[in-house]
Protein backbone atom coordinates (compact mmCIF):
# COMPACT_ATOMS: atom_id res chain seq x y z
CA UNK A 1 -0.97 -11.69 37.52
CA UNK A 2 -2.15 -12.48 34.28
CA UNK A 3 1.04 -12.64 32.25
CA UNK A 4 -0.20 -11.21 28.79
CA UNK A 5 1.87 -12.97 25.94
CA UNK A 6 3.10 -10.49 22.74
CA UNK A 7 3.46 -13.52 20.12
CA UNK A 8 6.91 -14.74 19.02
CA UNK A 9 6.90 -16.52 15.14
CA UNK A 10 9.39 -19.10 14.70
CA UNK A 11 9.89 -19.32 11.21
CA UNK A 12 9.94 -23.08 10.74
CA UNK A 13 10.66 -22.96 7.18
CA UNK A 14 13.73 -22.31 5.23
CA UNK A 15 14.10 -18.95 3.93
CA UNK A 16 16.27 -18.44 0.76
CA UNK A 17 18.09 -14.46 0.70
CA UNK A 18 15.49 -13.63 -1.28
CA UNK A 19 12.31 -15.30 0.87
CA UNK A 20 11.74 -18.18 -1.15
CA UNK A 21 10.53 -21.13 0.52
CA UNK A 22 11.90 -24.76 -0.37
CA UNK A 23 9.10 -27.24 -0.55
CA UNK A 24 10.20 -30.10 2.11
CA UNK A 25 8.16 -33.32 0.90
CA UNK A 26 5.38 -34.61 -0.12
CA UNK A 27 3.22 -33.63 2.51
CA UNK A 28 4.09 -30.15 2.32
CA UNK A 29 3.64 -30.09 -1.50
CA UNK A 30 0.36 -31.44 -0.70
CA UNK A 31 -0.52 -28.88 1.48
CA UNK A 32 0.87 -25.68 -0.60
CA UNK A 33 -1.37 -26.88 -3.46
CA UNK A 34 -4.41 -26.44 -1.40
CA UNK A 35 -3.83 -22.89 -1.10
CA UNK A 36 -5.66 -21.38 -3.95
CA UNK A 37 -3.70 -19.62 -6.94
CA UNK A 38 -4.64 -16.00 -7.24
CA UNK A 39 -5.36 -13.49 -10.26
CA UNK A 40 -5.70 -9.82 -10.62
CA UNK A 41 -7.72 -6.99 -12.47
CA UNK A 42 -6.85 -3.37 -12.78
CA UNK A 43 -8.96 -0.71 -13.99
CA UNK A 44 -7.58 3.18 -14.32
CA UNK A 45 -7.85 6.10 -16.46
CA UNK A 46 -5.03 5.51 -19.27
CA UNK A 47 -3.87 3.77 -21.33
CA UNK A 48 -2.66 7.26 -22.50
CA UNK A 49 -1.26 10.16 -20.37
CA UNK A 50 1.08 12.95 -20.18
CA UNK A 51 3.18 14.93 -17.75
CA UNK A 52 1.40 16.54 -15.09
CA UNK A 53 -1.51 13.95 -15.23
CA UNK A 54 -2.20 10.74 -12.30
CA UNK A 55 -2.77 7.66 -13.22
CA UNK A 56 -5.54 6.17 -11.14
CA UNK A 57 -5.96 2.68 -10.92
CA UNK A 58 -8.71 0.14 -8.80
CA UNK A 59 -7.30 -3.49 -8.40
CA UNK A 60 -9.68 -6.67 -7.42
CA UNK A 61 -7.34 -9.78 -6.96
CA UNK A 62 -9.32 -13.20 -6.93
CA UNK A 63 -9.31 -16.73 -5.96
CA UNK A 64 -8.42 -18.15 -9.64
CA UNK A 65 -10.23 -21.10 -8.13
CA UNK A 66 -13.72 -20.00 -7.66
CA UNK A 67 -13.14 -16.39 -9.49
CA UNK A 68 -14.58 -15.02 -6.12
CA UNK A 69 -12.46 -12.30 -4.59
CA UNK A 70 -9.23 -13.46 -2.46
CA UNK A 71 -9.13 -13.97 1.42
CA UNK A 72 -5.11 -15.91 1.01
CA UNK A 73 -3.15 -12.47 0.74
CA UNK A 74 -3.64 -9.85 2.48
CA UNK A 75 -1.28 -7.25 0.30
CA UNK A 76 -1.08 -6.84 -3.06
CA UNK A 77 0.63 -4.89 -5.59
CA UNK A 78 0.68 -2.33 -8.50
CA UNK A 79 3.82 -1.58 -10.78
CA UNK A 80 4.74 0.11 -13.87
CA UNK A 81 7.60 -0.84 -15.93
CA UNK A 82 9.36 0.46 -18.81
CA UNK A 83 10.60 -1.23 -22.15
CA UNK A 84 13.77 -2.07 -20.22
CA UNK A 85 11.75 -3.81 -17.84
CA UNK A 86 12.71 -1.21 -15.34
CA UNK A 87 10.05 -0.90 -12.21
CA UNK A 88 9.33 3.25 -12.06
CA UNK A 89 7.00 2.58 -9.00
CA UNK A 90 5.71 -0.94 -6.99
CA UNK A 91 2.80 0.50 -4.88
CA UNK A 92 2.04 -1.85 -1.75
CA UNK A 93 -1.79 -2.16 -1.76
CA UNK A 94 -3.58 -3.25 1.62
CA UNK A 95 -6.45 -5.45 0.56
CA UNK A 96 -10.15 -5.16 1.93
CA UNK A 97 -12.08 -7.80 0.85
CA UNK A 98 -9.67 -8.11 -2.21
CA UNK A 99 -9.61 -4.62 -3.26
CA UNK A 100 -7.59 -1.74 -3.05
CA UNK A 101 -6.82 1.65 -4.95
CA UNK A 102 -4.45 4.04 -5.96
CA UNK A 103 -2.26 6.78 -7.67
CA UNK A 104 0.87 7.82 -9.59
CA UNK A 105 1.61 11.39 -11.15
CA UNK A 106 3.76 11.44 -13.80
CA UNK A 107 6.05 14.04 -13.30
CA UNK A 108 8.04 15.71 -15.88
CA UNK A 109 10.77 13.56 -15.28
CA UNK A 110 9.37 10.13 -16.53
CA UNK A 111 10.72 10.01 -20.40
CA UNK A 112 8.24 9.19 -23.22
CA UNK A 113 7.43 5.81 -23.83
CA UNK A 114 5.49 2.48 -23.72
CA UNK A 115 5.22 0.91 -20.37
CA UNK A 116 3.12 -2.06 -18.74
CA UNK A 117 1.11 -1.75 -15.97
CA UNK A 118 1.15 -4.60 -13.76
CA UNK A 119 -1.13 -6.58 -10.56
CA UNK A 120 0.38 -9.09 -8.49
CA UNK A 121 0.76 -10.97 -4.96
CA UNK A 122 3.57 -12.51 -3.92
CA UNK A 123 1.75 -16.01 -4.26
CA UNK A 124 1.00 -15.10 -7.95
CA UNK A 125 4.74 -14.64 -8.79
CA UNK A 126 4.69 -18.37 -8.55
CA UNK A 127 2.81 -18.85 -11.69
CA UNK A 128 5.39 -16.32 -13.29
CA UNK A 129 4.32 -13.21 -15.49
CA UNK A 130 1.46 -15.17 -17.66
CA UNK A 131 -0.40 -15.28 -14.08
CA UNK A 132 0.28 -11.22 -13.51
CA UNK A 133 -2.21 -9.10 -14.79
CA UNK A 134 -0.50 -6.54 -17.59
CA UNK A 135 -2.29 -3.95 -19.30
CA UNK A 136 -0.32 -0.98 -21.20
CA UNK A 137 0.51 2.33 -20.53
CA UNK A 138 1.45 5.41 -22.58
CA UNK A 139 3.60 8.22 -21.42
CA UNK A 140 3.99 11.57 -23.62
CA UNK A 141 6.55 13.89 -22.48
CA UNK A 142 6.21 16.84 -24.29
CA UNK A 143 8.77 18.98 -22.10
CA UNK A 144 11.78 16.36 -23.46
CA UNK A 145 13.32 16.81 -26.39
CA UNK A 146 13.92 12.68 -26.58
CA UNK A 147 10.82 11.58 -27.58
CA UNK A 148 12.95 8.53 -29.62
CA UNK A 149 11.00 5.59 -27.60
CA UNK A 150 7.45 6.80 -29.27
CA UNK A 151 8.89 7.52 -32.74
CA UNK A 152 8.59 4.79 -35.87
CA UNK A 153 11.47 2.80 -36.00
CA UNK A 154 11.57 3.59 -39.77
CA UNK A 155 9.31 4.76 -42.66
CA UNK A 156 8.12 1.05 -43.74
CA UNK A 157 6.72 0.97 -39.79
CA UNK A 158 5.10 4.56 -40.02
CA UNK A 159 3.40 3.65 -43.20
CA UNK A 160 2.62 0.39 -41.76
CA UNK A 161 1.45 1.76 -39.04
CA UNK A 162 -2.57 2.37 -37.75
CA UNK A 163 -3.41 4.80 -35.36
CA UNK A 164 -7.29 4.60 -36.18
CA UNK A 165 -7.72 1.68 -33.42
CA UNK A 166 -10.60 -0.63 -33.36
CA UNK A 167 -12.34 0.47 -30.10
CA UNK A 168 -14.59 -1.98 -28.39
CA UNK A 169 -17.50 -0.10 -26.83
CA UNK A 170 -19.82 -1.71 -24.27
CA UNK A 171 -23.31 -1.26 -24.32
CA UNK A 172 -25.53 -0.65 -21.70
CA UNK A 173 -25.55 -4.08 -19.71
CA UNK A 174 -29.14 -6.29 -18.71
CA UNK A 175 -27.55 -6.72 -15.18
CA UNK A 176 -26.57 -3.28 -14.95
CA UNK A 177 -27.48 0.24 -16.75
CA UNK A 178 -26.34 4.03 -16.54
CA UNK A 179 -28.89 6.36 -17.21
CA UNK A 180 -27.79 10.53 -17.59
CA UNK A 181 -30.54 13.28 -17.02
CA UNK A 182 -29.83 13.77 -20.31
CA UNK A 183 -26.95 13.59 -23.28
CA UNK A 184 -25.69 17.08 -23.84
CA UNK A 185 -24.48 19.11 -21.28
CA UNK A 186 -22.60 22.74 -21.36
CA UNK A 187 -19.77 23.37 -19.41
CA UNK A 188 -19.44 24.00 -15.83
CA UNK A 189 -23.12 22.10 -15.99
CA UNK A 190 -24.22 19.73 -12.94
CA UNK A 191 -24.75 16.00 -14.51
CA UNK A 192 -27.11 13.32 -13.17
CA UNK A 193 -25.96 9.83 -13.05
CA UNK A 194 -28.12 7.02 -12.27
CA UNK A 195 -27.13 3.15 -11.94
CA UNK A 196 -29.62 0.77 -11.73
CA UNK A 197 -29.32 -2.95 -10.71
CA UNK A 198 -31.99 -4.69 -12.41
CA UNK A 199 -31.02 -8.14 -11.37
CA UNK A 200 -30.63 -7.80 -7.42
CA UNK A 201 -27.85 -9.93 -6.04
CA UNK A 202 -27.02 -11.46 -9.44
CA UNK A 203 -25.79 -7.45 -9.32
CA UNK A 204 -24.11 -7.08 -6.28
CA UNK A 205 -20.49 -6.62 -6.39
CA UNK A 206 -17.75 -4.23 -6.66
CA UNK A 207 -17.26 -1.66 -9.24
CA UNK A 208 -15.30 1.52 -10.74
CA UNK A 209 -16.93 4.71 -12.41
CA UNK A 210 -14.92 6.78 -14.45
CA UNK A 211 -15.78 9.93 -16.23
CA UNK A 212 -13.07 11.03 -18.93
CA UNK A 213 -13.05 12.80 -22.53
CA UNK A 214 -12.92 10.36 -25.67
CA UNK A 215 -9.11 10.25 -26.07
CA UNK A 216 -8.18 11.97 -29.40
CA UNK A 217 -4.78 9.91 -29.24
CA UNK A 218 -6.07 6.53 -30.80
CA UNK A 219 -4.03 3.76 -29.23
CA UNK A 220 -5.16 0.34 -27.72
CA UNK A 221 -8.51 0.82 -25.92
CA UNK A 222 -7.44 -0.10 -21.46
CA UNK A 223 -8.37 -3.67 -21.06
CA UNK A 224 -12.06 -4.01 -20.00
CA UNK A 225 -13.14 -6.45 -17.23
CA UNK A 226 -14.96 -8.49 -19.86
CA UNK A 227 -12.13 -9.06 -22.17
CA UNK A 228 -9.42 -9.68 -18.78
CA UNK A 229 -12.19 -12.17 -17.56
CA UNK A 230 -11.30 -13.92 -21.35
CA UNK A 231 -7.88 -13.49 -21.83
CA UNK A 232 -7.02 -14.64 -17.95
CA UNK A 233 -9.33 -17.54 -18.17
CA UNK A 234 -6.94 -19.86 -18.05
CA UNK A 235 -4.97 -18.63 -15.20
CA UNK A 236 -3.36 -20.99 -13.05
CA UNK A 237 -5.30 -22.44 -10.28
CA UNK A 238 -2.81 -24.10 -7.70
CA UNK A 239 1.02 -23.78 -7.85
CA UNK A 240 2.77 -25.88 -9.97
CA UNK A 241 5.86 -26.44 -8.36
CA UNK A 242 7.38 -29.80 -7.31
CA UNK A 243 9.34 -30.89 -4.42
CA UNK A 244 12.60 -29.46 -3.70
CA UNK A 245 11.41 -26.20 -5.92
CA UNK A 246 11.29 -22.57 -4.23
CA UNK A 247 8.26 -20.90 -3.72
CA UNK A 248 7.06 -17.34 -2.71
CA UNK A 249 5.01 -17.28 0.34
CA UNK A 250 1.49 -15.80 0.07
CA UNK A 251 1.56 -12.86 2.54
CA UNK A 252 -1.94 -14.09 4.36
CA UNK A 253 -1.74 -11.98 7.60
CA UNK A 254 -0.14 -8.61 6.78
CA UNK A 255 2.76 -7.26 5.58
CA UNK A 256 5.94 -9.63 5.79
CA UNK A 257 8.69 -8.83 7.52
CA UNK A 258 11.68 -10.35 7.45
CA UNK A 259 15.75 -10.52 7.31
CA UNK A 260 18.55 -12.35 8.73
CA UNK A 261 21.51 -12.36 12.01
CA UNK A 262 24.85 -13.60 11.28
CA UNK A 263 27.72 -13.21 13.56
CA UNK A 264 29.99 -10.16 12.71
CA UNK A 265 33.10 -11.97 13.49
CA UNK A 266 32.73 -15.74 12.27
CA UNK A 267 30.07 -14.46 9.38
CA UNK A 268 28.04 -17.43 10.14
CA UNK A 269 24.32 -17.34 10.59
CA UNK A 270 22.88 -17.00 14.49
CA UNK A 271 20.13 -19.75 15.34
CA UNK A 272 17.60 -19.32 18.00
CA UNK A 273 18.17 -16.09 19.10
CA UNK A 274 15.18 -13.73 19.99
CA UNK A 275 14.87 -10.20 17.67
CA UNK A 276 13.13 -6.97 18.42
CA UNK A 277 11.26 -5.26 15.44
CA UNK A 278 9.65 -1.98 16.47
CA UNK A 279 8.12 0.44 14.34
CA UNK A 280 8.72 4.51 15.73
CA UNK A 281 6.20 6.89 16.41
CA UNK A 282 3.46 7.87 18.65
CA UNK A 283 0.98 4.76 17.55
CA UNK A 284 4.17 2.33 17.79
CA UNK A 285 4.30 -1.18 16.89
CA UNK A 286 6.24 -3.80 18.83
CA UNK A 287 7.11 -7.33 17.16
CA UNK A 288 9.42 -10.19 18.37
CA UNK A 289 10.85 -12.95 16.23
CA UNK A 290 13.47 -15.67 16.67
CA UNK A 291 15.93 -16.86 14.02
CA UNK A 292 15.75 -20.61 12.58
CA UNK A 293 18.33 -22.60 12.22
CA UNK A 294 19.45 -20.40 9.35
CA UNK A 295 19.42 -17.41 11.15
CA UNK A 296 16.10 -15.69 8.83
CA UNK A 297 13.64 -14.05 11.09
CA UNK A 298 10.37 -12.75 10.28
CA UNK A 299 6.99 -11.18 10.89
CA UNK A 300 3.92 -9.94 9.84
CA UNK A 301 2.45 -6.66 10.30
CA UNK A 302 -1.58 -6.62 10.40
CA UNK A 303 -2.28 -3.22 11.84
CA UNK A 304 -1.25 0.10 9.50
CA UNK A 305 2.33 1.43 10.46
CA UNK A 306 2.19 4.97 10.88
CA UNK A 307 6.15 4.99 9.64
CA UNK A 308 8.25 4.23 6.83
CA UNK A 309 11.02 2.46 8.88
CA UNK A 310 12.02 -0.10 11.17
CA UNK A 311 14.28 -1.03 14.01
CA UNK A 312 15.28 -4.28 13.87
CA UNK A 313 17.66 -5.15 17.33
CA UNK A 314 18.88 -7.79 19.13
CA UNK A 315 18.55 -7.68 22.90
CA UNK A 316 21.66 -10.10 23.86
CA UNK A 317 24.80 -7.96 23.66
CA UNK A 318 27.18 -11.13 24.47
CA UNK A 319 28.32 -10.79 20.71
CA UNK A 320 28.69 -8.36 18.03
CA UNK A 321 26.01 -9.43 15.17
CA UNK A 322 24.92 -8.02 11.78
CA UNK A 323 21.63 -7.39 10.75
CA UNK A 324 20.47 -7.72 7.37
CA UNK A 325 16.64 -7.30 6.08
CA UNK A 326 15.60 -9.22 3.37
CA UNK A 327 13.05 -8.17 -0.19
CA UNK A 328 11.71 -10.46 -2.24
CA UNK A 329 12.98 -11.15 -5.43
CA UNK A 330 11.52 -8.99 -8.26
CA UNK A 331 9.58 -10.55 -10.73
CA UNK A 332 10.88 -12.25 -14.00
CA UNK A 333 10.10 -9.86 -16.47
CA UNK A 334 11.44 -10.93 -19.84
CA UNK A 335 8.71 -11.56 -22.63
CA UNK A 336 6.94 -8.88 -22.09
CA UNK A 337 5.90 -7.07 -24.52
CA UNK A 338 4.33 -3.74 -25.19
CA UNK A 339 2.28 -2.02 -27.33
CA UNK A 340 3.03 -0.56 -31.09
CA UNK A 341 1.84 2.93 -30.14
CA UNK A 342 3.69 5.52 -32.29
CA UNK A 343 3.75 9.51 -32.44
CA UNK A 344 2.25 10.68 -35.70
CA UNK A 345 2.49 14.72 -36.99
CA UNK A 346 -1.64 14.91 -36.78
CA UNK A 347 -0.97 14.19 -33.28
CA UNK A 348 0.98 17.15 -31.98
CA UNK A 349 -2.15 19.74 -31.92
CA UNK A 350 -3.87 17.17 -29.87
CA UNK A 351 -0.82 16.99 -27.28
CA UNK A 352 -0.44 20.57 -26.81
CA UNK A 353 -3.62 21.59 -26.27
CA UNK A 354 -4.04 18.91 -23.60
CA UNK A 355 -0.54 19.68 -22.34
CA UNK A 356 -1.25 23.45 -21.84
CA UNK A 357 -4.33 22.13 -20.43
CA UNK A 358 -2.31 20.03 -17.80
CA UNK A 359 -0.07 23.01 -16.96
CA UNK A 360 -3.45 25.26 -15.66
CA UNK A 361 -4.64 22.68 -14.05
CA UNK A 362 -1.54 22.12 -11.36
CA UNK A 363 -1.27 25.71 -11.22
CA UNK A 364 -4.33 25.50 -9.00
CA UNK A 365 -4.05 22.16 -7.74
CA UNK A 366 -4.27 23.93 -4.04
CA UNK A 367 -8.10 24.66 -4.73
CA UNK A 368 -8.93 20.92 -5.40
CA UNK A 369 -6.94 18.85 -3.17
CA UNK A 370 -7.55 15.21 -2.58
CA UNK A 371 -7.74 14.00 1.16
CA UNK A 372 -5.92 11.14 2.38
CA UNK A 373 -8.50 9.19 4.40
CA UNK A 374 -7.16 8.31 8.16
CA UNK A 375 -6.48 4.82 8.92
CA UNK A 376 -8.04 3.07 12.04
CA UNK A 377 -6.14 4.08 15.01
CA UNK A 378 -3.22 2.10 16.45
CA UNK A 379 -3.51 0.82 20.11
CA UNK A 380 -0.27 0.04 20.90
CA UNK A 381 -0.94 -0.65 24.22
CA UNK A 382 -3.50 -3.58 23.35
CA UNK A 383 -6.04 -2.94 25.34
CA UNK A 384 -4.28 -1.83 28.43
CA UNK A 385 -5.26 1.35 30.06
CA UNK A 386 -1.40 3.13 30.83
CA UNK A 387 -1.39 5.50 33.64
CA UNK A 388 0.01 8.96 31.84
CA UNK A 389 2.33 11.19 33.35
CA UNK A 390 2.67 14.79 31.80
CA UNK A 391 6.03 16.06 32.97
CA UNK A 392 4.79 19.65 32.36
CA UNK A 393 2.52 19.41 35.43
CA UNK A 394 5.77 18.54 37.80
CA UNK A 395 9.04 20.05 38.95
CA UNK A 396 11.79 18.94 36.01
CA UNK A 397 14.24 17.27 37.22
CA UNK A 398 17.56 16.95 35.01
CA UNK A 399 17.64 12.94 33.86
CA UNK A 400 14.90 10.70 33.30
CA UNK A 401 16.51 8.51 36.67
CA UNK A 402 15.42 11.45 38.68
CA UNK A 403 12.65 11.76 36.94
CA UNK A 404 11.28 8.40 37.34
CA UNK A 405 12.13 8.14 40.95
CA UNK A 406 10.45 11.58 42.20
CA UNK A 407 8.27 11.77 39.58
CA UNK A 408 6.15 8.59 37.93
CA UNK A 409 5.36 6.27 40.67
CA UNK A 410 6.00 2.47 40.64
CA UNK A 411 9.09 2.48 38.18
CA UNK A 412 12.82 3.59 38.54
CA UNK A 413 16.17 2.28 38.28
CA UNK A 414 17.51 -1.14 39.60
CA UNK A 415 20.37 -3.31 39.02
CA UNK A 416 20.53 -6.96 38.18
CA UNK A 417 22.53 -10.05 39.19
CA UNK A 418 25.01 -8.91 36.94
CA UNK A 419 25.06 -5.19 38.04
CA UNK A 420 23.32 -3.92 35.48
CA UNK A 421 21.14 -1.08 35.33
CA UNK A 422 17.46 -1.42 33.81
CA UNK A 423 13.87 0.05 34.67
CA UNK A 424 11.65 -2.02 36.77
CA UNK A 425 8.35 -1.88 37.03
CA UNK A 426 6.21 -2.61 40.24
CA UNK A 427 3.58 -5.31 40.53
CA UNK A 428 0.28 -4.81 40.00
CA UNK A 429 -0.44 -7.53 42.51
CA UNK A 430 -4.12 -9.26 41.85
CA UNK A 431 -3.83 -12.15 44.34
CA UNK A 432 -2.20 -12.66 47.63
CA UNK A 433 -0.13 -15.76 46.07
CA UNK A 434 1.00 -13.74 43.29
CA UNK A 435 5.35 -14.24 43.65
CA UNK A 436 7.73 -11.10 43.41
CA UNK A 437 9.62 -10.99 40.33
CA UNK A 438 12.84 -8.83 39.49
CA UNK A 439 12.36 -9.01 35.59
CA UNK A 440 12.74 -5.61 33.56
CA UNK A 441 10.41 -3.77 31.77
CA UNK A 442 10.00 -3.16 28.02
CA UNK A 443 11.00 0.26 27.87
CA UNK A 444 10.65 2.47 24.10
CA UNK A 445 11.28 5.78 23.50
CA UNK A 446 9.43 7.63 20.49
CA UNK A 447 8.44 3.96 19.75
CA UNK A 448 12.16 2.83 19.73
CA UNK A 449 12.97 -0.21 21.64
CA UNK A 450 15.62 0.40 24.12
CA UNK A 451 17.50 -2.86 24.83
CA UNK A 452 19.83 -1.32 26.98
CA UNK A 453 17.79 0.96 29.53
CA UNK A 454 21.37 2.39 31.06
CA UNK A 455 21.88 4.11 27.70
CA UNK A 456 19.10 6.60 28.28
CA UNK A 457 19.40 7.15 32.67
CA UNK A 458 20.68 10.40 32.00
CA UNK A 459 18.62 11.36 28.92
CA UNK A 460 17.60 14.91 29.37
CA UNK A 461 14.38 15.00 30.77
CA UNK A 462 13.47 18.76 29.72
CA UNK A 463 12.94 16.85 25.96
CA UNK A 464 10.17 14.47 27.51
CA UNK A 465 6.57 15.18 27.21
CA UNK A 466 4.93 12.42 28.84
CA UNK A 467 5.48 9.08 30.34
CA UNK A 468 3.02 6.17 30.14
CA UNK A 469 2.91 2.91 32.01
CA UNK A 470 1.45 -0.54 32.10
CA UNK A 471 1.90 -2.57 35.04
CA UNK A 472 1.32 -5.63 33.51
CA UNK A 473 3.60 -8.74 33.03
CA UNK A 474 4.41 -9.73 29.24
CA UNK A 475 6.48 -12.50 27.90
CA UNK A 476 8.16 -12.10 25.01
CA UNK A 477 9.37 -15.51 23.34
CA UNK A 478 11.13 -16.97 26.17
CA UNK A 479 11.97 -13.94 28.45
CA UNK A 480 9.70 -12.54 30.66
CA UNK A 481 9.05 -8.66 31.07
CA UNK A 482 7.29 -6.55 34.45
CA UNK A 483 5.36 -3.56 32.23
CA UNK A 484 5.76 -1.14 29.60
CA UNK A 485 7.30 2.08 29.61
CA UNK A 486 6.72 4.50 27.25
CA UNK A 487 8.62 7.68 26.93
CA UNK A 488 7.58 10.42 24.56
CA UNK A 489 9.45 13.09 23.80
CA UNK A 490 8.25 16.69 22.51
CA UNK A 491 9.72 16.66 18.68
CA UNK A 492 8.98 12.82 18.44
CA UNK A 493 12.44 12.74 16.71
CA UNK A 494 14.57 10.07 18.98
CA UNK A 495 15.15 7.84 15.78
CA UNK A 496 16.23 10.00 14.04
CA UNK A 497 20.42 9.47 14.59
CA UNK A 498 19.50 6.20 16.35
CA UNK A 499 22.43 4.19 16.83
CA UNK A 500 22.84 1.29 19.10
CA UNK A 501 24.84 -2.24 19.26
CA UNK A 502 23.47 -5.05 17.37
CA UNK A 503 20.92 -2.65 16.38
CA UNK A 504 19.94 -1.60 12.62
CA UNK A 505 17.34 1.16 10.75
CA UNK A 506 15.96 0.43 7.71
CA UNK A 507 13.38 1.67 5.36
CA UNK A 508 9.62 -0.81 5.62
CA UNK A 509 7.43 1.24 2.86
CA UNK A 510 3.89 1.83 3.91
CA UNK A 511 1.07 0.81 2.20
CA UNK A 512 -0.73 3.19 -0.42
CA UNK A 513 -3.00 5.50 1.37
CA UNK A 514 -6.70 5.45 0.92
CA UNK A 515 -7.82 8.73 -0.64
CA UNK A 516 -11.24 10.96 -0.86
CA UNK A 517 -10.64 11.84 -4.43
CA UNK A 518 -11.67 15.43 -5.14
CA UNK A 519 -15.14 16.12 -7.01
CA UNK A 520 -16.00 19.96 -8.58
CA UNK A 521 -19.31 21.24 -7.32
CA UNK A 522 -20.70 24.60 -8.56
CA UNK A 523 -23.15 25.94 -6.61
CA UNK A 524 -25.23 29.01 -6.57
CA UNK A 525 -24.06 30.08 -3.67
CA UNK A 526 -20.48 29.28 -3.60
CA UNK A 527 -18.80 31.35 -6.05
CA UNK A 528 -15.03 30.36 -4.74
CA UNK A 529 -14.44 28.73 -7.90
CA UNK A 530 -15.67 31.45 -10.38
CA UNK A 531 -12.35 32.40 -11.41
CA UNK A 532 -10.29 29.46 -11.15
CA UNK A 533 -9.65 27.11 -14.45
CA UNK A 534 -11.47 23.66 -15.13
CA UNK A 535 -9.01 21.87 -16.99
CA UNK A 536 -10.24 18.26 -15.74
CA UNK A 537 -10.98 15.73 -18.66
CA UNK A 538 -11.09 13.24 -15.90
CA UNK A 539 -14.36 14.29 -14.74
CA UNK A 540 -15.31 11.39 -12.11
CA UNK A 541 -13.29 8.87 -10.64
CA UNK A 542 -14.24 6.58 -8.00
CA UNK A 543 -12.32 3.81 -7.21
CA UNK A 544 -14.69 1.15 -5.51
CA UNK A 545 -18.46 1.56 -5.51
CA UNK A 546 -20.15 -1.87 -3.53
CA UNK A 547 -23.38 -2.34 -5.22
CA UNK A 548 -26.04 -4.39 -3.07
CA UNK A 549 -28.75 -2.09 -3.74
CA UNK A 550 -30.94 -1.31 -6.86
CA UNK A 551 -30.76 1.81 -7.31
CA UNK A 552 -27.67 4.44 -7.22
CA UNK A 553 -27.86 8.17 -7.77
CA UNK A 554 -24.64 10.12 -8.10
CA UNK A 555 -23.83 13.98 -9.80
CA UNK A 556 -20.96 15.31 -11.13
CA UNK A 557 -19.94 18.60 -13.24
CA UNK A 558 -18.53 19.03 -16.61
CA UNK A 559 -15.32 21.06 -16.78
CA UNK A 560 -14.22 23.48 -19.95
CA UNK A 561 -13.88 21.69 -21.74
CA UNK A 562 -16.10 20.01 -24.49
CA UNK A 563 -16.54 17.40 -26.27
CA UNK A 564 -17.49 13.56 -26.17
CA UNK A 565 -17.25 12.42 -22.24
CA UNK A 566 -17.52 8.38 -21.91
CA UNK A 567 -19.13 7.21 -18.27
CA UNK A 568 -17.88 3.60 -17.85
CA UNK A 569 -18.74 1.09 -14.85
CA UNK A 570 -16.23 -1.70 -15.12
CA UNK A 571 -15.91 -4.33 -12.02
CA UNK A 572 -17.24 -8.05 -10.82
CA UNK A 573 -20.69 -9.19 -9.32
CA UNK A 574 -20.35 -11.19 -5.70
CA UNK A 575 -20.20 -14.10 -8.26
CA UNK A 576 -16.69 -12.97 -10.12
CA UNK A 577 -18.97 -12.26 -13.12
CA UNK A 578 -17.33 -9.68 -15.13
CA UNK A 579 -19.62 -6.33 -15.83
CA UNK A 580 -18.34 -3.22 -18.58
CA UNK A 581 -21.12 -0.72 -19.01
CA UNK A 582 -20.59 2.65 -20.68
CA UNK A 583 -22.61 5.61 -21.63
CA UNK A 584 -21.63 8.58 -24.06
CA UNK A 585 -22.41 12.46 -23.11
CA UNK A 586 -21.59 15.39 -25.24
CA UNK A 587 -20.52 18.66 -23.53
CA UNK A 588 -20.76 22.34 -25.14
CA UNK A 589 -19.10 25.56 -25.04
CA UNK A 590 -21.42 28.00 -23.44
CA UNK A 591 -22.68 30.66 -25.98
CA UNK A 592 -21.84 34.01 -24.58
CA UNK A 593 -25.13 36.36 -24.78
């Protein structure tokens, strides 16, 4: 029988508690310097946001040496911090060819203030704050009485403050141009938008498109791609650390999961011990790692995981262990500066009008939902075709042990040489000279790895929906297993309250879900939106448009808001050239007969 090997990762390097690698020698340093440093750009719908609005963003990560999209990191991060250097969120972004996108709802609990939007990878942290993308976000929460953070510090400050910011507006590029079917529209009217690429492959690239009402609240505009390229031109091209320094390692293979195993009695790190990491659920993930000589372990999750928690376990029950999940150290935000934006009296009416519009919009949010895109399906058996037994089709037996014996072929409880109970799966002999083995099966309940099979021997079979069986032989680290028994309960909640010796349940944040953003339409044959108010100030948002042709046509509809709107295409060619192109349109209120 062919033995399948589930990869076990050995940590050959030294990890500190904050998962930083120590550069051992000159050869080690030379290898690390060959890994290109990275840089990031975020396009967003700021800079000014009110409570009840969304911050939408699209992020690009680049190879700092070539200015092309990175192939180093597979995970990026977008964070929002306040003037006190507190993180309001830190989103984990799974990158597809260097790109990602997400959003954040500004709740009424977030105070008014000046914030910074940051973009980075773990690898970028080695170059410090100067490498990290930074742009200003202003949040105005009109529902809170305390607006101190946005008020002028003194009369002199107010007298010298200039709220009429000089805004650099881009014109149509010679490479890519925007055009609309006309320049003035009525409310709730369809707008035809054409994007022309005049330079063929020189214009190919990835861009974001937004159509936003020009803000009456003046502030420093969001950082455009063209300005960003100039500001970050001198970003570090490689790490600057030396032998003996500690660095953050890049997440080159996926999401990094790491921790430490310590002897519970002696408090001494435990070397060379296998560690099992399972992500529960129907589409479970199972990873095996092993501690290094310092008791540290790590693993990468390449596939999407559906559950925001993980179970870490030591199969060996001879001793008691403490398992600690580690986390990377946060960015050092010392020296981070913020916008000089202040609230003035003449902004009051604009804030009030916009706040009322947001309240109305949020009352009807269920009529205009975004949809989460389904992630790639996970095959927990990695290509193996399980034999599935649906228990409702059979006579029910009270316990799992009896069910395996009477209903599920090729499996059952046995005793090992030490007299301990374990579940054995019969071999599917493929070869006449294949040797018989007495290896235990890999057993999971709702995706939770079960190290001691005796714990579920008397499990109530009435709670079990189905049992899936794989009869292949597996080698996990230094141990052999015969087959997989995957038990699924009706409720799928076995992980809730799960507790076993030498195990711990820890949070494992999922990357941001990909979405299809709602696009409002007003069609003659569809009257469902006629009586629903429409106070969108962001008429259209597409976080990623890959241009590889000459012409693209889009359509979107104006809302009930009149005024000037700006269409902006922002991004980079496949050669790394930044492009920012914009065009204005005017919306006027419909004249009633």
